[in-house]
């Protein structure tokens, strides 16, 4: 693994679904993840990650999900995750729910991608083009859900030739510690590094010097 080689000009951080639906107390998804957020320290770790990435001037990308009335009604061949989301009208287009949470909003020079529809963010967004435009080769992936969008996007990044780092304490699974442990156990199969946020930022510092 090359976890201590992260050149600033070629390193990016992707935060997936850091939106009100998941991270705000009134979000429909928040109750499902509240206990895991507290157990793992997800919210504070994401804040720490974002602050560190900004301090080092890394490329930062935000990916939110949203669905329209037409998609709720006419999506063909709904998977289990889509059925769950559509039945509860999660991530409803144009609502407060799909706005980025105030703690995780894009700042100046940071990229808010087109909303993703599939579990792999690469499939229905401009992520690949945005990474290539900026010369990003080393991509760290965090956010939600760790066993769905985060994992699938990490796999997609590996398949496209990126160096992938999964940040295991800046995400959570959909159903508690057992699923979380299984999820994190899969990460090394496709990621080049599986680190905590502290380990990741320390590796960036080793590569580039303190800031």
Protein backbone atom coordinates (compact mmCIF):
# COMPACT_ATOMS: atom_id res chain seq x y z
CA UNK A 1 0.00 0.00 0.00
CA UNK A 2 1.11 3.57 -0.78
CA UNK A 3 -0.77 5.25 2.02
CA UNK A 4 2.00 7.76 2.78
CA UNK A 5 2.27 9.20 -0.71
CA UNK A 6 -0.34 11.88 -1.38
CA UNK A 7 1.01 14.73 -3.53
CA UNK A 8 -1.19 17.79 -3.05
CA UNK A 9 -1.67 18.58 -6.71
CA UNK A 10 -2.91 15.03 -7.46
CA UNK A 11 -4.90 14.25 -4.29
CA UNK A 12 -8.65 14.61 -3.85
CA UNK A 13 -11.28 13.95 -1.19
CA UNK A 14 -14.83 12.92 -2.09
CA UNK A 15 -17.65 13.36 0.45
CA UNK A 16 -20.77 11.41 -0.49
CA UNK A 17 -24.30 12.29 0.66
CA UNK A 18 -23.30 14.71 3.40
CA UNK A 19 -26.79 16.18 3.14
CA UNK A 20 -29.54 17.10 5.58
CA UNK A 21 -31.48 13.91 4.89
CA UNK A 22 -28.67 11.93 6.50
CA UNK A 23 -26.86 14.32 8.87
CA UNK A 24 -29.55 16.68 10.19
CA UNK A 25 -31.63 15.55 13.17
CA UNK A 26 -34.85 16.15 11.20
CA UNK A 27 -33.61 14.19 8.18
CA UNK A 28 -35.50 10.99 7.41
CA UNK A 29 -32.31 8.97 7.31
CA UNK A 30 -30.68 10.37 10.44
CA UNK A 31 -32.43 8.15 13.05
CA UNK A 32 -31.13 5.02 11.33
CA UNK A 33 -27.52 6.15 11.59
CA UNK A 34 -27.54 8.21 14.79
CA UNK A 35 -26.16 5.48 17.06
CA UNK A 36 -23.43 4.48 14.62
CA UNK A 37 -22.46 8.10 14.10
CA UNK A 38 -21.96 8.40 17.85
CA UNK A 39 -20.14 5.07 18.22
CA UNK A 40 -17.69 5.73 15.38
CA UNK A 41 -17.46 9.52 15.71
CA UNK A 42 -18.46 9.98 12.08
CA UNK A 43 -19.61 13.61 12.24
CA UNK A 44 -16.56 14.90 14.08
CA UNK A 45 -14.24 12.85 11.89
CA UNK A 46 -15.82 14.26 8.74
CA UNK A 47 -15.40 17.79 10.10
CA UNK A 48 -11.75 17.02 10.89
CA UNK A 49 -11.24 15.55 7.41
CA UNK A 50 -12.77 18.54 5.68
CA UNK A 51 -10.78 21.03 7.76
CA UNK A 52 -7.55 19.14 7.10
CA UNK A 53 -8.20 18.81 3.37
CA UNK A 54 -8.84 22.55 3.20
CA UNK A 55 -5.73 23.33 5.21
CA UNK A 56 -3.59 21.36 2.76
CA UNK A 57 -5.40 22.67 -0.30
CA UNK A 58 -6.52 19.26 -1.50
CA UNK A 59 -9.10 18.98 -4.27
CA UNK A 60 -12.50 18.52 -2.57
CA UNK A 61 -15.63 17.10 -4.18
CA UNK A 62 -19.17 16.79 -2.80
CA UNK A 63 -21.76 14.38 -4.14
CA UNK A 64 -25.42 14.54 -3.15
CA UNK A 65 -28.32 12.32 -4.20
CA UNK A 66 -31.77 13.43 -5.35
CA UNK A 67 -34.83 11.97 -7.06
CA UNK A 68 -37.76 13.56 -8.87
CA UNK A 69 -41.46 12.62 -8.75
CA UNK A 70 -41.06 10.96 -12.13
CA UNK A 71 -38.16 8.84 -10.86
CA UNK A 72 -40.07 7.80 -7.75
CA UNK A 73 -42.96 6.66 -9.96
CA UNK A 74 -41.33 5.30 -13.09
CA UNK A 75 -37.95 3.85 -12.12
CA UNK A 76 -37.79 0.42 -13.71
CA UNK A 77 -36.31 -2.62 -11.96
CA UNK A 78 -36.04 -1.06 -8.52
CA UNK A 79 -33.39 -2.62 -6.33
CA UNK A 80 -33.97 -3.12 -2.62
CA UNK A 81 -32.23 0.13 -1.72
CA UNK A 82 -34.22 2.07 -4.31
CA UNK A 83 -37.49 0.60 -3.07
CA UNK A 84 -36.65 1.67 0.48
CA UNK A 85 -35.74 5.19 -0.62
CA UNK A 86 -38.66 5.66 -2.98
CA UNK A 87 -41.31 4.32 -0.58
CA UNK A 88 -40.14 6.88 1.99
CA UNK A 89 -39.46 9.64 -0.56
CA UNK A 90 -35.91 10.04 0.64
CA UNK A 91 -33.65 12.56 -1.11
CA UNK A 92 -36.57 14.42 -2.68
CA UNK A 93 -35.39 16.77 -5.41
CA UNK A 94 -35.70 20.50 -4.64
CA UNK A 95 -36.22 20.09 -0.89
CA UNK A 96 -34.23 20.95 2.22
CA UNK A 97 -33.40 17.26 2.58
CA UNK A 98 -31.01 17.21 -0.38
CA UNK A 99 -29.17 20.39 0.55
CA UNK A 100 -25.69 19.87 1.92
CA UNK A 101 -25.61 19.92 5.71
CA UNK A 102 -24.20 23.25 7.01
CA UNK A 103 -21.15 21.45 8.42
CA UNK A 104 -20.37 19.91 5.03
CA UNK A 105 -21.13 22.55 2.42
CA UNK A 106 -18.81 23.16 -0.55
CA UNK A 107 -16.57 26.16 -0.12
CA UNK A 108 -14.86 28.41 -2.68
CA UNK A 109 -13.07 26.42 -5.35
CA UNK A 110 -14.64 23.13 -4.24
CA UNK A 111 -16.80 21.03 -6.54
CA UNK A 112 -20.46 20.14 -6.02
CA UNK A 113 -21.14 17.36 -8.50
CA UNK A 114 -24.36 16.79 -10.37
CA UNK A 115 -26.72 14.76 -8.14
CA UNK A 116 -26.09 11.04 -8.31
CA UNK A 117 -28.88 8.56 -8.97
CA UNK A 118 -27.01 5.27 -8.82
CA UNK A 119 -25.12 3.75 -5.90
CA UNK A 120 -21.79 4.27 -7.69
CA UNK A 121 -21.35 8.05 -7.96
CA UNK A 122 -19.32 7.66 -11.16
CA UNK A 123 -22.29 6.20 -13.03
CA UNK A 124 -24.58 9.23 -13.27
CA UNK A 125 -22.37 12.23 -12.47
CA UNK A 126 -19.44 14.18 -13.86
CA UNK A 127 -17.06 12.89 -11.15
CA UNK A 128 -14.60 11.21 -13.52
CA UNK A 129 -14.40 14.29 -15.73
CA UNK A 130 -13.96 16.60 -12.73
CA UNK A 131 -11.14 14.46 -11.33
CA UNK A 132 -9.34 14.27 -14.64
CA UNK A 133 -9.67 18.02 -15.25
CA UNK A 134 -7.83 18.65 -11.99
CA UNK A 135 -5.23 15.92 -12.40
CA UNK A 136 -6.44 13.92 -9.39
CA UNK A 137 -4.97 10.42 -9.17
CA UNK A 138 -5.24 9.76 -5.42
CA UNK A 139 -8.85 9.75 -4.22
CA UNK A 140 -10.03 9.41 -0.62
CA UNK A 141 -13.69 8.46 -0.20
CA UNK A 142 -15.90 9.18 2.82
CA UNK A 143 -19.51 9.98 3.72
CA UNK A 144 -22.58 7.75 3.53
CA UNK A 145 -23.61 4.98 3.31
CA UNK A 146 -20.36 3.10 3.83
CA UNK A 147 -21.74 -0.23 2.66
CA UNK A 148 -23.53 1.20 -0.39
CA UNK A 149 -22.56 4.45 -2.15
CA UNK A 150 -19.17 4.82 -0.46
CA UNK A 151 -18.15 1.23 -1.13
CA UNK A 152 -19.49 1.16 -4.69
CA UNK A 153 -17.83 4.46 -5.58
CA UNK A 154 -14.53 3.26 -4.13
CA UNK A 155 -14.75 0.17 -6.30
CA UNK A 156 -15.64 2.34 -9.29
CA UNK A 157 -12.61 4.53 -8.67
CA UNK A 158 -10.31 1.51 -8.50
CA UNK A 159 -11.75 0.13 -11.74
CA UNK A 160 -11.00 3.47 -13.44
CA UNK A 161 -7.37 3.40 -12.37
CA UNK A 162 -7.36 5.77 -9.39
CA UNK A 163 -5.40 5.16 -6.20
CA UNK A 164 -8.21 4.69 -3.66
CA UNK A 165 -8.16 5.43 0.06
CA UNK A 166 -11.16 4.45 2.17
CA UNK A 167 -11.57 6.42 5.39
CA UNK A 168 -13.07 3.89 7.77
CA UNK A 169 -14.01 6.26 10.60
CA UNK A 170 -15.65 8.86 8.35
CA UNK A 171 -18.50 6.61 7.29
CA UNK A 172 -20.98 4.11 8.74
CA UNK A 173 -22.92 1.09 7.57
CA UNK A 174 -26.69 0.74 7.41
CA UNK A 175 -27.14 -1.62 10.36
CA UNK A 176 -24.71 -1.51 13.26
CA UNK A 177 -21.31 -2.78 14.30
CA UNK A 178 -21.47 -6.26 12.77
CA UNK A 179 -22.27 -4.91 9.32
CA UNK A 180 -19.73 -2.11 9.81
CA UNK A 181 -16.97 -4.61 10.61
CA UNK A 182 -17.90 -6.71 7.58
CA UNK A 183 -17.94 -3.59 5.38
CA UNK A 184 -14.54 -2.37 6.54
CA UNK A 185 -13.22 -5.90 6.07
CA UNK A 186 -14.11 -5.71 2.37
CA UNK A 187 -12.41 -2.38 1.77
CA UNK A 188 -8.85 -3.77 1.39
CA UNK A 189 -10.03 -5.96 -1.49
CA UNK A 190 -10.36 -2.92 -3.77
CA UNK A 191 -8.73 0.01 -1.93
CA UNK A 192 -5.03 0.77 -1.92
CA UNK A 193 -5.25 2.09 1.64
CA UNK A 194 -7.82 1.86 4.45
CA UNK A 195 -7.10 4.54 7.04
CA UNK A 196 -8.61 6.61 9.80
CA UNK A 197 -8.92 10.34 9.16
CA UNK A 198 -5.99 11.01 11.51
CA UNK A 199 -3.84 8.47 9.68
CA UNK A 200 -4.78 9.94 6.32
CA UNK A 201 -4.00 13.52 7.26
CA UNK A 202 -0.73 12.41 8.85
CA UNK A 203 0.18 10.66 5.58
CA UNK A 204 -0.62 13.84 3.62
CA UNK A 205 1.64 15.74 6.00
CA UNK A 206 4.47 13.22 5.59
CA UNK A 207 4.25 13.64 1.84
CA UNK A 208 4.04 17.43 1.79
CA UNK A 209 5.24 18.81 5.10
CA UNK A 210 3.30 20.41 7.95
CA UNK A 211 0.89 23.28 7.31
